Amino acid sequence: MRTFNVTVHIPGTLAADKSVVFTVPCNCQLIHVSACGSNGNDGLLTIGTTSSAELYLASASIGDSNVPAEFDRDNFVGAQFPHIAKGTVFAAALDHDGAVGVATQNFTLVLTFTEG
């Protein structure tokens, strides 16, 4: 199976929540997520679609101090690799400071998919 990655980096100290939205180019499965900030932060990540924000990954803490938190099958909703149909509007959202905690700096997100 072919794999492909979507990588996002947002430099600086975040002052607001961020979202990453794109249309999935083919039928695929989400198999791995890596996310972190460069500082000790309270960032929370959700992954789903524009109509269901936590469809694939419920709110989870990102990594701190350039040590990524990793998410895979065991962390995804239903403990399964999400099957995503071609044309789905995929959405990942970062609550940059959790419940008004420490804002994330230099956010990096890497999503790994397999085609099919």
PDB file of N, CA and C in Angstrom:
ATOM      1  N   MET A   1       0.836  -1.181   0.000  1.00  0.00           N
ATOM      2  CA  MET A   1       0.000   0.000   0.000  1.00  0.00           C
ATOM      3  C   MET A   1       0.879   1.242   0.000  1.00  0.00           C
ATOM      4  N   ARG A   2       0.477   2.202  -0.807  1.00  0.00           N
ATOM      5  CA  ARG A   2       1.198   3.471  -0.830  1.00  0.00           C
ATOM      6  C   ARG A   2       0.809   4.307   0.376  1.00  0.00           C
ATOM      7  N   THR A   3       1.790   4.966   0.953  1.00  0.00           N
ATOM      8  CA  THR A   3       1.505   5.894   2.040  1.00  0.00           C
ATOM      9  C   THR A   3       1.742   7.310   1.556  1.00  0.00           C
ATOM     10  N   PHE A   4       1.059   8.248   2.186  1.00  0.00           N
ATOM     11  CA  PHE A   4       1.326   9.663   1.930  1.00  0.00           C
ATOM     12  C   PHE A   4       1.137  10.432   3.221  1.00  0.00           C
ATOM     13  N   ASN A   5       1.849  11.557   3.314  1.00  0.00           N
ATOM     14  CA  ASN A   5       1.818  12.384   4.513  1.00  0.00           C
ATOM     15  C   ASN A   5       1.258  13.757   4.187  1.00  0.00           C
ATOM     16  N   VAL A   6       0.622  14.340   5.172  1.00  0.00           N
ATOM     17  CA  VAL A   6       0.242  15.746   5.146  1.00  0.00           C
ATOM     18  C   VAL A   6       0.939  16.355   6.355  1.00  0.00           C
ATOM     19  N   THR A   7       1.778  17.349   6.102  1.00  0.00           N
ATOM     20  CA  THR A   7       2.555  17.976   7.164  1.00  0.00           C
ATOM     21  C   THR A   7       2.203  19.456   7.251  1.00  0.00           C
ATOM     22  N   VAL A   8       1.991  19.924   8.473  1.00  0.00           N
ATOM     23  CA  VAL A   8       1.652  21.325   8.718  1.00  0.00           C
ATOM     24  C   VAL A   8       2.569  21.844   9.805  1.00  0.00           C
ATOM     25  N   HIS A   9       3.119  23.042   9.591  1.00  0.00           N
ATOM     26  CA  HIS A   9       3.904  23.693  10.636  1.00  0.00           C
ATOM     27  C   HIS A   9       3.427  25.141  10.729  1.00  0.00           C
ATOM     28  N   ILE A  10       3.100  25.570  11.939  1.00  0.00           N
ATOM     29  CA  ILE A  10       2.665  26.942  12.175  1.00  0.00           C
ATOM     30  C   ILE A  10       3.646  27.569  13.160  1.00  0.00           C
ATOM     31  N   PRO A  11       4.511  28.467  12.684  1.00  0.00           N
ATOM     32  CA  PRO A  11       5.533  29.044  13.551  1.00  0.00           C
ATOM     33  C   PRO A  11       4.982  30.110  14.497  1.00  0.00           C
ATOM     34  N   GLY A  12       5.735  30.335  15.564  1.00  0.00           N
ATOM     35  CA  GLY A  12       5.402  31.388  16.510  1.00  0.00           C
ATOM     36  C   GLY A  12       4.508  30.912  17.639  1.00  0.00           C
ATOM     37  N   THR A  13       4.224  31.834  18.551  1.00  0.00           N
ATOM     38  CA  THR A  13       3.310  31.560  19.660  1.00  0.00           C
ATOM     39  C   THR A  13       1.893  31.804  19.175  1.00  0.00           C
ATOM     40  N   LEU A  14       1.059  30.791  19.274  1.00  0.00           N
ATOM     41  CA  LEU A  14      -0.295  30.901  18.755  1.00  0.00           C
ATOM     42  C   LEU A  14      -1.166  31.728  19.698  1.00  0.00           C
ATOM     43  N   ALA A  15      -1.940  32.634  19.107  1.00  0.00           N
ATOM     44  CA  ALA A  15      -2.838  33.489  19.875  1.00  0.00           C
ATOM     45  C   ALA A  15      -4.293  33.087  19.691  1.00  0.00           C
ATOM     46  N   ALA A  16      -4.534  32.087  18.844  1.00  0.00           N
ATOM     47  CA  ALA A  16      -5.898  31.622  18.578  1.00  0.00           C
ATOM     48  C   ALA A  16      -5.845  30.164  18.149  1.00  0.00           C
ATOM     49  N   ASP A  17      -6.996  29.510  18.190  1.00  0.00           N
ATOM     50  CA  ASP A  17      -7.093  28.134  17.727  1.00  0.00           C
ATOM     51  C   ASP A  17      -6.821  28.082  16.223  1.00  0.00           C
ATOM     52  N   LYS A  18      -6.373  26.946  15.743  1.00  0.00           N
ATOM     53  CA  LYS A  18      -6.041  26.768  14.325  1.00  0.00           C
ATOM     54  C   LYS A  18      -6.766  25.545  13.785  1.00  0.00           C
ATOM     55  N   SER A  19      -7.073  25.584  12.499  1.00  0.00           N
ATOM     56  CA  SER A  19      -7.669  24.415  11.856  1.00  0.00           C
ATOM     57  C   SER A  19      -6.976  24.160  10.531  1.00  0.00           C
ATOM     58  N   VAL A  20      -6.929  22.885  10.177  1.00  0.00           N
ATOM     59  CA  VAL A  20      -6.369  22.429   8.916  1.00  0.00           C
ATOM     60  C   VAL A  20      -7.485  21.664   8.223  1.00  0.00           C
ATOM     61  N   VAL A  21      -7.886  22.125   7.048  1.00  0.00           N
ATOM     62  CA  VAL A  21      -9.011  21.527   6.342  1.00  0.00           C
ATOM     63  C   VAL A  21      -8.595  21.269   4.900  1.00  0.00           C
ATOM     64  N   PHE A  22      -8.841  20.046   4.409  1.00  0.00           N
ATOM     65  CA  PHE A  22      -8.560  19.729   3.015  1.00  0.00           C
ATOM     66  C   PHE A  22      -9.475  18.603   2.550  1.00  0.00           C
ATOM     67  N   THR A  23      -9.629  18.479   1.258  1.00  0.00           N
ATOM     68  CA  THR A  23     -10.422  17.404   0.679  1.00  0.00           C
ATOM     69  C   THR A  23      -9.508  16.220   0.413  1.00  0.00           C
ATOM     70  N   VAL A  24      -9.899  15.064   0.891  1.00  0.00           N
ATOM     71  CA  VAL A  24      -9.096  13.846   0.732  1.00  0.00           C
ATOM     72  C   VAL A  24      -9.089  13.444  -0.751  1.00  0.00           C
ATOM     73  N   PRO A  25      -7.886  13.222  -1.334  1.00  0.00           N
ATOM     74  CA  PRO A  25      -7.788  12.994  -2.777  1.00  0.00           C
ATOM     75  C   PRO A  25      -8.109  11.579  -3.254  1.00  0.00           C
ATOM     76  N   CYS A  26      -8.205  10.625  -2.327  1.00  0.00           N
ATOM     77  CA  CYS A  26      -8.455   9.233  -2.701  1.00  0.00           C
ATOM     78  C   CYS A  26      -9.014   8.499  -1.484  1.00  0.00           C
ATOM     79  N   ASN A  27      -9.563   7.321  -1.696  1.00  0.00           N
ATOM     80  CA  ASN A  27      -9.959   6.491  -0.557  1.00  0.00           C
ATOM     81  C   ASN A  27      -8.695   6.164   0.229  1.00  0.00           C
ATOM     82  N   CYS A  28      -8.759   6.284   1.539  1.00  0.00           N
ATOM     83  CA  CYS A  28      -7.547   6.076   2.335  1.00  0.00           C
ATOM     84  C   CYS A  28      -7.897   5.717   3.775  1.00  0.00           C
ATOM     85  N   GLN A  29      -6.846   5.410   4.535  1.00  0.00           N
ATOM     86  CA  GLN A  29      -6.953   5.174   5.973  1.00  0.00           C
ATOM     87  C   GLN A  29      -5.951   6.087   6.669  1.00  0.00           C
ATOM     88  N   LEU A  30      -6.364   6.670   7.773  1.00  0.00           N
ATOM     89  CA  LEU A  30      -5.447   7.407   8.639  1.00  0.00           C
ATOM     90  C   LEU A  30      -4.767   6.382   9.532  1.00  0.00           C
ATOM     91  N   ILE A  31      -3.429   6.311   9.480  1.00  0.00           N
ATOM     92  CA  ILE A  31      -2.734   5.276  10.257  1.00  0.00           C
ATOM     93  C   ILE A  31      -1.837   5.825  11.357  1.00  0.00           C
ATOM     94  N   HIS A  32      -1.497   7.110  11.299  1.00  0.00           N
ATOM     95  CA  HIS A  32      -0.597   7.653  12.317  1.00  0.00           C
ATOM     96  C   HIS A  32      -0.704   9.168  12.337  1.00  0.00           C
ATOM     97  N   VAL A  33      -0.599   9.744  13.543  1.00  0.00           N
ATOM     98  CA  VAL A  33      -0.583  11.185  13.730  1.00  0.00           C
ATOM     99  C   VAL A  33       0.537  11.516  14.702  1.00  0.00           C
ATOM    100  N   SER A  34       1.268  12.561  14.404  1.00  0.00           N
ATOM    101  CA  SER A  34       2.314  13.068  15.281  1.00  0.00           C
ATOM    102  C   SER A  34       2.071  14.562  15.434  1.00  0.00           C
ATOM    103  N   ALA A  35       2.058  15.066  16.688  1.00  0.00           N
ATOM    104  CA  ALA A  35       1.765  16.487  16.906  1.00  0.00           C
ATOM    105  C   ALA A  35       2.519  17.005  18.115  1.00  0.00           C
ATOM    106  N   CYS A  36       3.075  18.208  17.993  1.00  0.00           N
ATOM    107  CA  CYS A  36       3.762  18.804  19.141  1.00  0.00           C
ATOM    108  C   CYS A  36       3.914  20.313  18.980  1.00  0.00           C
ATOM    109  N   GLY A  37       4.254  20.928  20.093  1.00  0.00           N
ATOM    110  CA  GLY A  37       4.678  22.313  20.132  1.00  0.00           C
ATOM    111  C   GLY A  37       6.110  22.323  20.626  1.00  0.00           C
ATOM    112  N   SER A  38       6.780  23.458  20.461  1.00  0.00           N
ATOM    113  CA  SER A  38       8.182  23.539  20.874  1.00  0.00           C
ATOM    114  C   SER A  38       8.340  23.870  22.352  1.00  0.00           C
ATOM    115  N   ASN A  39       7.236  24.168  23.023  1.00  0.00           N
ATOM    116  CA  ASN A  39       7.271  24.545  24.435  1.00  0.00           C
ATOM    117  C   ASN A  39       6.412  23.595  25.271  1.00  0.00           C
ATOM    118  N   GLY A  40       6.462  23.763  26.577  1.00  0.00           N
ATOM    119  CA  GLY A  40       5.496  23.091  27.448  1.00  0.00           C
ATOM    120  C   GLY A  40       4.168  23.799  27.209  1.00  0.00           C
ATOM    121  N   ASN A  41       3.156  23.098  26.715  1.00  0.00           N
ATOM    122  CA  ASN A  41       1.911  23.755  26.303  1.00  0.00           C
ATOM    123  C   ASN A  41       0.702  22.921  26.726  1.00  0.00           C
ATOM    124  N   ASP A  42      -0.470  23.509  26.541  1.00  0.00           N
ATOM    125  CA  ASP A  42      -1.721  22.829  26.867  1.00  0.00           C
ATOM    126  C   ASP A  42      -2.574  22.599  25.622  1.00  0.00           C
ATOM    127  N   GLY A  43      -1.939  22.512  24.446  1.00  0.00           N
ATOM    128  CA  GLY A  43      -2.658  22.326  23.194  1.00  0.00           C
ATOM    129  C   GLY A  43      -3.417  21.011  23.145  1.00  0.00           C
ATOM    130  N   LEU A  44      -4.613  21.054  22.550  1.00  0.00           N
ATOM    131  CA  LEU A  44      -5.466  19.876  22.384  1.00  0.00           C
ATOM    132  C   LEU A  44      -5.823  19.726  20.910  1.00  0.00           C
ATOM    133  N   LEU A  45      -5.697  18.512  20.397  1.00  0.00           N
ATOM    134  CA  LEU A  45      -5.947  18.219  18.993  1.00  0.00           C
ATOM    135  C   LEU A  45      -7.195  17.363  18.830  1.00  0.00           C
ATOM    136  N   THR A  46      -8.035  17.711  17.860  1.00  0.00           N
ATOM    137  CA  THR A  46      -9.139  16.858  17.445  1.00  0.00           C
ATOM    138  C   THR A  46      -9.000  16.619  15.945  1.00  0.00           C
ATOM    139  N   ILE A  47      -9.456  15.441  15.486  1.00  0.00           N
ATOM    140  CA  ILE A  47      -9.385  15.119  14.065  1.00  0.00           C
ATOM    141  C   ILE A  47     -10.699  14.481  13.653  1.00  0.00           C
ATOM    142  N   GLY A  48     -11.240  14.971  12.552  1.00  0.00           N
ATOM    143  CA  GLY A  48     -12.493  14.440  12.037  1.00  0.00           C
ATOM    144  C   GLY A  48     -12.817  15.047  10.693  1.00  0.00           C
ATOM    145  N   THR A  49     -14.053  15.482  10.560  1.00  0.00           N
ATOM    146  CA  THR A  49     -14.512  16.141   9.342  1.00  0.00           C
ATOM    147  C   THR A  49     -15.113  17.482   9.738  1.00  0.00           C
ATOM    148  N   THR A  50     -15.473  18.271   8.741  1.00  0.00           N
ATOM    149  CA  THR A  50     -16.077  19.557   9.061  1.00  0.00           C
ATOM    150  C   THR A  50     -17.455  19.399   9.702  1.00  0.00           C
ATOM    151  N   SER A  51     -18.097  18.260   9.521  1.00  0.00           N
ATOM    152  CA  SER A  51     -19.405  18.047  10.144  1.00  0.00           C
ATOM    153  C   SER A  51     -19.336  17.263  11.453  1.00  0.00           C
ATOM    154  N   SER A  52     -18.184  16.645  11.751  1.00  0.00           N
ATOM    155  CA  SER A  52     -18.010  15.875  12.990  1.00  0.00           C
ATOM    156  C   SER A  52     -16.553  15.986  13.433  1.00  0.00           C
ATOM    157  N   ALA A  53     -16.265  16.972  14.258  1.00  0.00           N
ATOM    158  CA  ALA A  53     -14.886  17.352  14.595  1.00  0.00           C
ATOM    159  C   ALA A  53     -14.057  16.249  15.247  1.00  0.00           C
ATOM    160  N   GLU A  54     -14.689  15.343  15.989  1.00  0.00           N
ATOM    161  CA  GLU A  54     -13.962  14.293  16.697  1.00  0.00           C
ATOM    162  C   GLU A  54     -14.268  12.905  16.140  1.00  0.00           C
ATOM    163  N   LEU A  55     -14.573  12.827  14.869  1.00  0.00           N
ATOM    164  CA  LEU A  55     -14.949  11.555  14.258  1.00  0.00           C
ATOM    165  C   LEU A  55     -13.805  10.543  14.291  1.00  0.00           C
ATOM    166  N   TYR A  56     -12.569  10.989  14.124  1.00  0.00           N
ATOM    167  CA  TYR A  56     -11.425  10.076  14.050  1.00  0.00           C
ATOM    168  C   TYR A  56     -10.554  10.086  15.309  1.00  0.00           C
ATOM    169  N   LEU A  57     -10.382  11.257  15.923  1.00  0.00           N
ATOM    170  CA  LEU A  57      -9.581  11.366  17.149  1.00  0.00           C
ATOM    171  C   LEU A  57     -10.259  12.372  18.074  1.00  0.00           C
ATOM    172  N   ALA A  58     -10.674  11.883  19.247  1.00  0.00           N
ATOM    173  CA  ALA A  58     -11.260  12.775  20.249  1.00  0.00           C
ATOM    174  C   ALA A  58     -10.160  13.649  20.835  1.00  0.00           C
ATOM    175  N   SER A  59     -10.531  14.721  21.459  1.00  0.00           N
ATOM    176  CA  SER A  59      -9.584  15.687  21.996  1.00  0.00           C
ATOM    177  C   SER A  59      -8.430  15.013  22.745  1.00  0.00           C
ATOM    178  N   ALA A  60      -7.202  15.334  22.313  1.00  0.00           N
ATOM    179  CA  ALA A  60      -6.010  14.713  22.887  1.00  0.00           C
ATOM    180  C   ALA A  60      -4.899  15.748  23.009  1.00  0.00           C
ATOM    181  N   SER A  61      -4.103  15.628  24.049  1.00  0.00           N
ATOM    182  CA  SER A  61      -2.982  16.546  24.269  1.00  0.00           C
ATOM    183  C   SER A  61      -1.877  16.306  23.253  1.00  0.00           C
ATOM    184  N   ILE A  62      -1.351  17.414  22.710  1.00  0.00           N
ATOM    185  CA  ILE A  62      -0.208  17.303  21.804  1.00  0.00           C
ATOM    186  C   ILE A  62       1.065  17.214  22.637  1.00  0.00           C
ATOM    187  N   GLY A  63       2.177  16.950  21.987  1.00  0.00           N
ATOM    188  CA  GLY A  63       3.455  16.833  22.679  1.00  0.00           C
ATOM    189  C   GLY A  63       4.031  18.176  23.081  1.00  0.00           C
ATOM    190  N   ASP A  64       4.964  18.121  24.018  1.00  0.00           N
ATOM    191  CA  ASP A  64       5.635  19.307  24.554  1.00  0.00           C
ATOM    192  C   ASP A  64       7.116  19.306  24.202  1.00  0.00           C
ATOM    193  N   SER A  65       7.689  20.508  24.188  1.00  0.00           N
ATOM    194  CA  SER A  65       9.149  20.697  24.095  1.00  0.00           C
ATOM    195  C   SER A  65       9.770  19.886  22.960  1.00  0.00           C
ATOM    196  N   ASN A  66       9.135  19.939  21.785  1.00  0.00           N
ATOM    197  CA  ASN A  66       9.608  19.249  20.577  1.00  0.00           C
ATOM    198  C   ASN A  66       9.639  17.730  20.706  1.00  0.00           C
ATOM    199  N   VAL A  67       8.847  17.177  21.608  1.00  0.00           N
ATOM    200  CA  VAL A  67       8.691  15.721  21.707  1.00  0.00           C
ATOM    201  C   VAL A  67       7.238  15.419  21.315  1.00  0.00           C
ATOM    202  N   PRO A  68       7.032  14.932  20.092  1.00  0.00           N
ATOM    203  CA  PRO A  68       5.671  14.741  19.599  1.00  0.00           C
ATOM    204  C   PRO A  68       4.879  13.686  20.375  1.00  0.00           C
ATOM    205  N   ALA A  69       3.601  13.967  20.542  1.00  0.00           N
ATOM    206  CA  ALA A  69       2.662  12.932  20.964  1.00  0.00           C
ATOM    207  C   ALA A  69       2.303  12.172  19.693  1.00  0.00           C
ATOM    208  N   GLU A  70       2.215  10.843  19.809  1.00  0.00           N
ATOM    209  CA  GLU A  70       1.875  10.018  18.656  1.00  0.00           C
ATOM    210  C   GLU A  70       0.535   9.348  18.896  1.00  0.00           C
ATOM    211  N   PHE A  71      -0.253   9.255  17.827  1.00  0.00           N
ATOM    212  CA  PHE A  71      -1.564   8.636  17.890  1.00  0.00           C
ATOM    213  C   PHE A  71      -1.663   7.631  16.754  1.00  0.00           C
ATOM    214  N   ASP A  72      -2.206   6.453  17.065  1.00  0.00           N
ATOM    215  CA  ASP A  72      -2.377   5.421  16.045  1.00  0.00           C
ATOM    216  C   ASP A  72      -3.673   4.668  16.323  1.00  0.00           C
ATOM    217  N   ARG A  73      -3.777   3.492  15.792  1.00  0.00           N
ATOM    218  CA  ARG A  73      -5.022   2.727  15.861  1.00  0.00           C
ATOM    219  C   ARG A  73      -5.640   2.698  17.264  1.00  0.00           C
ATOM    220  N   ASP A  74      -4.833   2.465  18.282  1.00  0.00           N
ATOM    221  CA  ASP A  74      -5.354   2.367  19.647  1.00  0.00           C
ATOM    222  C   ASP A  74      -5.964   3.674  20.144  1.00  0.00           C
ATOM    223  N   ASN A  75      -5.531   4.799  19.578  1.00  0.00           N
ATOM    224  CA  ASN A  75      -6.008   6.107  20.012  1.00  0.00           C
ATOM    225  C   ASN A  75      -7.195   6.615  19.215  1.00  0.00           C
ATOM    226  N   PHE A  76      -7.391   6.078  18.005  1.00  0.00           N
ATOM    227  CA  PHE A  76      -8.470   6.553  17.155  1.00  0.00           C
ATOM    228  C   PHE A  76      -9.818   6.071  17.693  1.00  0.00           C
ATOM    229  N   VAL A  77     -10.861   6.803  17.372  1.00  0.00           N
ATOM    230  CA  VAL A  77     -12.213   6.456  17.804  1.00  0.00           C
ATOM    231  C   VAL A  77     -12.536   5.029  17.363  1.00  0.00           C
ATOM    232  N   GLY A  78     -13.010   4.214  18.300  1.00  0.00           N
ATOM    233  CA  GLY A  78     -13.346   2.823  18.017  1.00  0.00           C
ATOM    234  C   GLY A  78     -12.140   1.910  17.926  1.00  0.00           C
ATOM    235  N   ALA A  79     -10.938   2.427  18.263  1.00  0.00           N
ATOM    236  CA  ALA A  79      -9.688   1.653  18.205  1.00  0.00           C
ATOM    237  C   ALA A  79      -9.497   1.003  16.828  1.00  0.00           C
ATOM    238  N   GLN A  80      -9.864   1.751  15.784  1.00  0.00           N
ATOM    239  CA  GLN A  80      -9.732   1.277  14.412  1.00  0.00           C
ATOM    240  C   GLN A  80      -9.093   2.370  13.554  1.00  0.00           C
ATOM    241  N   PHE A  81      -8.380   1.955  12.500  1.00  0.00           N
ATOM    242  CA  PHE A  81      -7.903   2.932  11.529  1.00  0.00           C
ATOM    243  C   PHE A  81      -9.119   3.521  10.819  1.00  0.00           C
ATOM    244  N   PRO A  82      -9.275   4.846  10.816  1.00  0.00           N
ATOM    245  CA  PRO A  82     -10.418   5.430  10.119  1.00  0.00           C
ATOM    246  C   PRO A  82     -10.315   5.219   8.603  1.00  0.00           C
ATOM    247  N   HIS A  83     -11.382   4.728   8.003  1.00  0.00           N
ATOM    248  CA  HIS A  83     -11.492   4.645   6.550  1.00  0.00           C
ATOM    249  C   HIS A  83     -12.121   5.952   6.084  1.00  0.00           C
ATOM    250  N   ILE A  84     -11.460   6.613   5.153  1.00  0.00           N
ATOM    251  CA  ILE A  84     -11.914   7.929   4.706  1.00  0.00           C
ATOM    252  C   ILE A  84     -12.142   7.873   3.204  1.00  0.00           C
ATOM    253  N   ALA A  85     -13.339   8.221   2.782  1.00  0.00           N
ATOM    254  CA  ALA A  85     -13.694   8.163   1.366  1.00  0.00           C
ATOM    255  C   ALA A  85     -13.151   9.360   0.601  1.00  0.00           C
ATOM    256  N   LYS A  86     -12.782   9.113  -0.652  1.00  0.00           N
ATOM    257  CA  LYS A  86     -12.350  10.178  -1.547  1.00  0.00           C
ATOM    258  C   LYS A  86     -13.402  11.285  -1.534  1.00  0.00           C
ATOM    259  N   GLY A  87     -12.938  12.530  -1.443  1.00  0.00           N
ATOM    260  CA  GLY A  87     -13.834  13.679  -1.449  1.00  0.00           C
ATOM    261  C   GLY A  87     -14.283  14.131  -0.078  1.00  0.00           C
ATOM    262  N   THR A  88     -13.962  13.361   0.970  1.00  0.00           N
ATOM    263  CA  THR A  88     -14.311  13.764   2.337  1.00  0.00           C
ATOM    264  C   THR A  88     -13.548  15.036   2.692  1.00  0.00           C
ATOM    265  N   VAL A  89     -14.229  15.967   3.350  1.00  0.00           N
ATOM    266  CA  VAL A  89     -13.551  17.181   3.822  1.00  0.00           C
ATOM    267  C   VAL A  89     -13.006  16.876   5.214  1.00  0.00           C
ATOM    268  N   PHE A  90     -11.703  16.646   5.272  1.00  0.00           N
ATOM    269  CA  PHE A  90     -10.970  16.257   6.469  1.00  0.00           C
ATOM    270  C   PHE A  90     -10.668  17.520   7.278  1.00  0.00           C
ATOM    271  N   ALA A  91     -10.749  17.425   8.600  1.00  0.00           N
ATOM    272  CA  ALA A  91     -10.481  18.588   9.447  1.00  0.00           C
ATOM    273  C   ALA A  91      -9.709  18.177  10.695  1.00  0.00           C
ATOM    274  N   ALA A  92      -8.615  18.860  10.936  1.00  0.00           N
ATOM    275  CA  ALA A  92      -7.869  18.733  12.187  1.00  0.00           C
ATOM    276  C   ALA A  92      -7.911  20.102  12.857  1.00  0.00           C
ATOM    277  N   ALA A  93      -8.156  20.129  14.150  1.00  0.00           N
ATOM    278  CA  ALA A  93      -8.264  21.404  14.857  1.00  0.00           C
ATOM    279  C   ALA A  93      -7.394  21.388  16.105  1.00  0.00           C
ATOM    280  N   LEU A  94      -6.696  22.486  16.326  1.00  0.00           N
ATOM    281  CA  LEU A  94      -5.871  22.653  17.523  1.00  0.00           C
ATOM    282  C   LEU A  94      -6.494  23.718  18.406  1.00  0.00           C
ATOM    283  N   ASP A  95      -6.848  23.316  19.630  1.00  0.00           N
ATOM    284  CA  ASP A  95      -7.190  24.283  20.673  1.00  0.00           C
ATOM    285  C   ASP A  95      -5.832  24.714  21.210  1.00  0.00           C
ATOM    286  N   HIS A  96      -5.387  25.885  20.845  1.00  0.00           N
ATOM    287  CA  HIS A  96      -3.988  26.303  21.056  1.00  0.00           C
ATOM    288  C   HIS A  96      -3.549  26.361  22.517  1.00  0.00           C
ATOM    289  N   ASP A  97      -4.502  26.500  23.445  1.00  0.00           N
ATOM    290  CA  ASP A  97      -4.119  26.601  24.860  1.00  0.00           C
ATOM    291  C   ASP A  97      -4.985  25.760  25.789  1.00  0.00           C
ATOM    292  N   GLY A  98      -5.671  24.775  25.236  1.00  0.00           N
ATOM    293  CA  GLY A  98      -6.523  23.937  26.094  1.00  0.00           C
ATOM    294  C   GLY A  98      -7.559  24.782  26.795  1.00  0.00           C
ATOM    295  N   ALA A  99      -7.746  24.568  28.072  1.00  0.00           N
ATOM    296  CA  ALA A  99      -8.713  25.340  28.859  1.00  0.00           C
ATOM    297  C   ALA A  99      -8.033  26.590  29.423  1.00  0.00           C
ATOM    298  N   VAL A 100      -7.643  27.477  28.523  1.00  0.00           N
ATOM    299  CA  VAL A 100      -6.971  28.737  28.863  1.00  0.00           C
ATOM    300  C   VAL A 100      -5.684  28.473  29.642  1.00  0.00           C
ATOM    301  N   GLY A 101      -4.900  27.552  29.122  1.00  0.00           N
ATOM    302  CA  GLY A 101      -3.604  27.225  29.716  1.00  0.00           C
ATOM    303  C   GLY A 101      -2.487  27.914  28.951  1.00  0.00           C
ATOM    304  N   VAL A 102      -1.392  27.213  28.754  1.00  0.00           N
ATOM    305  CA  VAL A 102      -0.214  27.762  28.076  1.00  0.00           C
ATOM    306  C   VAL A 102      -0.386  27.601  26.565  1.00  0.00           C
ATOM    307  N   ALA A 103      -0.232  28.693  25.833  1.00  0.00           N
ATOM    308  CA  ALA A 103      -0.389  28.681  24.378  1.00  0.00           C
ATOM    309  C   ALA A 103       0.731  27.880  23.718  1.00  0.00           C
ATOM    310  N   THR A 104       0.369  27.166  22.668  1.00  0.00           N
ATOM    311  CA  THR A 104       1.325  26.369  21.898  1.00  0.00           C
ATOM    312  C   THR A 104       2.244  27.278  21.085  1.00  0.00           C
ATOM    313  N   GLN A 105       3.514  26.916  21.040  1.00  0.00           N
ATOM    314  CA  GLN A 105       4.483  27.597  20.187  1.00  0.00           C
ATOM    315  C   GLN A 105       4.963  26.627  19.118  1.00  0.00           C
ATOM    316  N   ASN A 106       5.142  27.133  17.895  1.00  0.00           N
ATOM    317  CA  ASN A 106       5.744  26.366  16.793  1.00  0.00           C
ATOM    318  C   ASN A 106       5.098  24.992  16.641  1.00  0.00           C
ATOM    319  N   PHE A 107       3.810  24.997  16.337  1.00  0.00           N
ATOM    320  CA  PHE A 107       3.011  23.770  16.211  1.00  0.00           C
ATOM    321  C   PHE A 107       3.384  22.995  14.954  1.00  0.00           C
ATOM    322  N   THR A 108       3.594  21.695  15.116  1.00  0.00           N
ATOM    323  CA  THR A 108       3.848  20.800  13.976  1.00  0.00           C
ATOM    324  C   THR A 108       2.902  19.614  14.061  1.00  0.00           C
ATOM    325  N   LEU A 109       2.283  19.294  12.910  1.00  0.00           N
ATOM    326  CA  LEU A 109       1.344  18.181  12.788  1.00  0.00           C
ATOM    327  C   LEU A 109       1.729  17.371  11.566  1.00  0.00           C
ATOM    328  N   VAL A 110       1.859  16.062  11.734  1.00  0.00           N
ATOM    329  CA  VAL A 110       2.127  15.162  10.611  1.00  0.00           C
ATOM    330  C   VAL A 110       1.066  14.066  10.629  1.00  0.00           C
ATOM    331  N   LEU A 111       0.335  13.952   9.518  1.00  0.00           N
ATOM    332  CA  LEU A 111      -0.704  12.940   9.340  1.00  0.00           C
ATOM    333  C   LEU A 111      -0.204  11.930   8.311  1.00  0.00           C
ATOM    334  N   THR A 112      -0.286  10.644   8.625  1.00  0.00           N
ATOM    335  CA  THR A 112       0.145   9.606   7.696  1.00  0.00           C
ATOM    336  C   THR A 112      -1.052   8.758   7.298  1.00  0.00           C
ATOM    337  N   PHE A 113      -1.214   8.594   5.993  1.00  0.00           N
ATOM    338  CA  PHE A 113      -2.332   7.853   5.413  1.00  0.00           C
ATOM    339  C   PHE A 113      -1.809   6.723   4.540  1.00  0.00           C
ATOM    340  N   THR A 114      -2.612   5.680   4.372  1.00  0.00           N
ATOM    341  CA  THR A 114      -2.357   4.679   3.337  1.00  0.00           C
ATOM    342  C   THR A 114      -3.477   4.812   2.318  1.00  0.00           C
ATOM    343  N   GLU A 115      -3.122   4.654   1.072  1.00  0.00           N
ATOM    344  CA  GLU A 115      -4.110   4.750   0.005  1.00  0.00           C
ATOM    345  C   GLU A 115      -4.897   3.445  -0.095  1.00  0.00           C
ATOM    346  N   GLY A 116      -6.185   3.570  -0.330  1.00  0.00           N
ATOM    347  CA  GLY A 116      -6.994   2.384  -0.539  1.00  0.00           C
ATOM    348  C   GLY A 116      -8.156   2.268   0.395  1.00  0.00           C
TER     349      GLY A 116
END
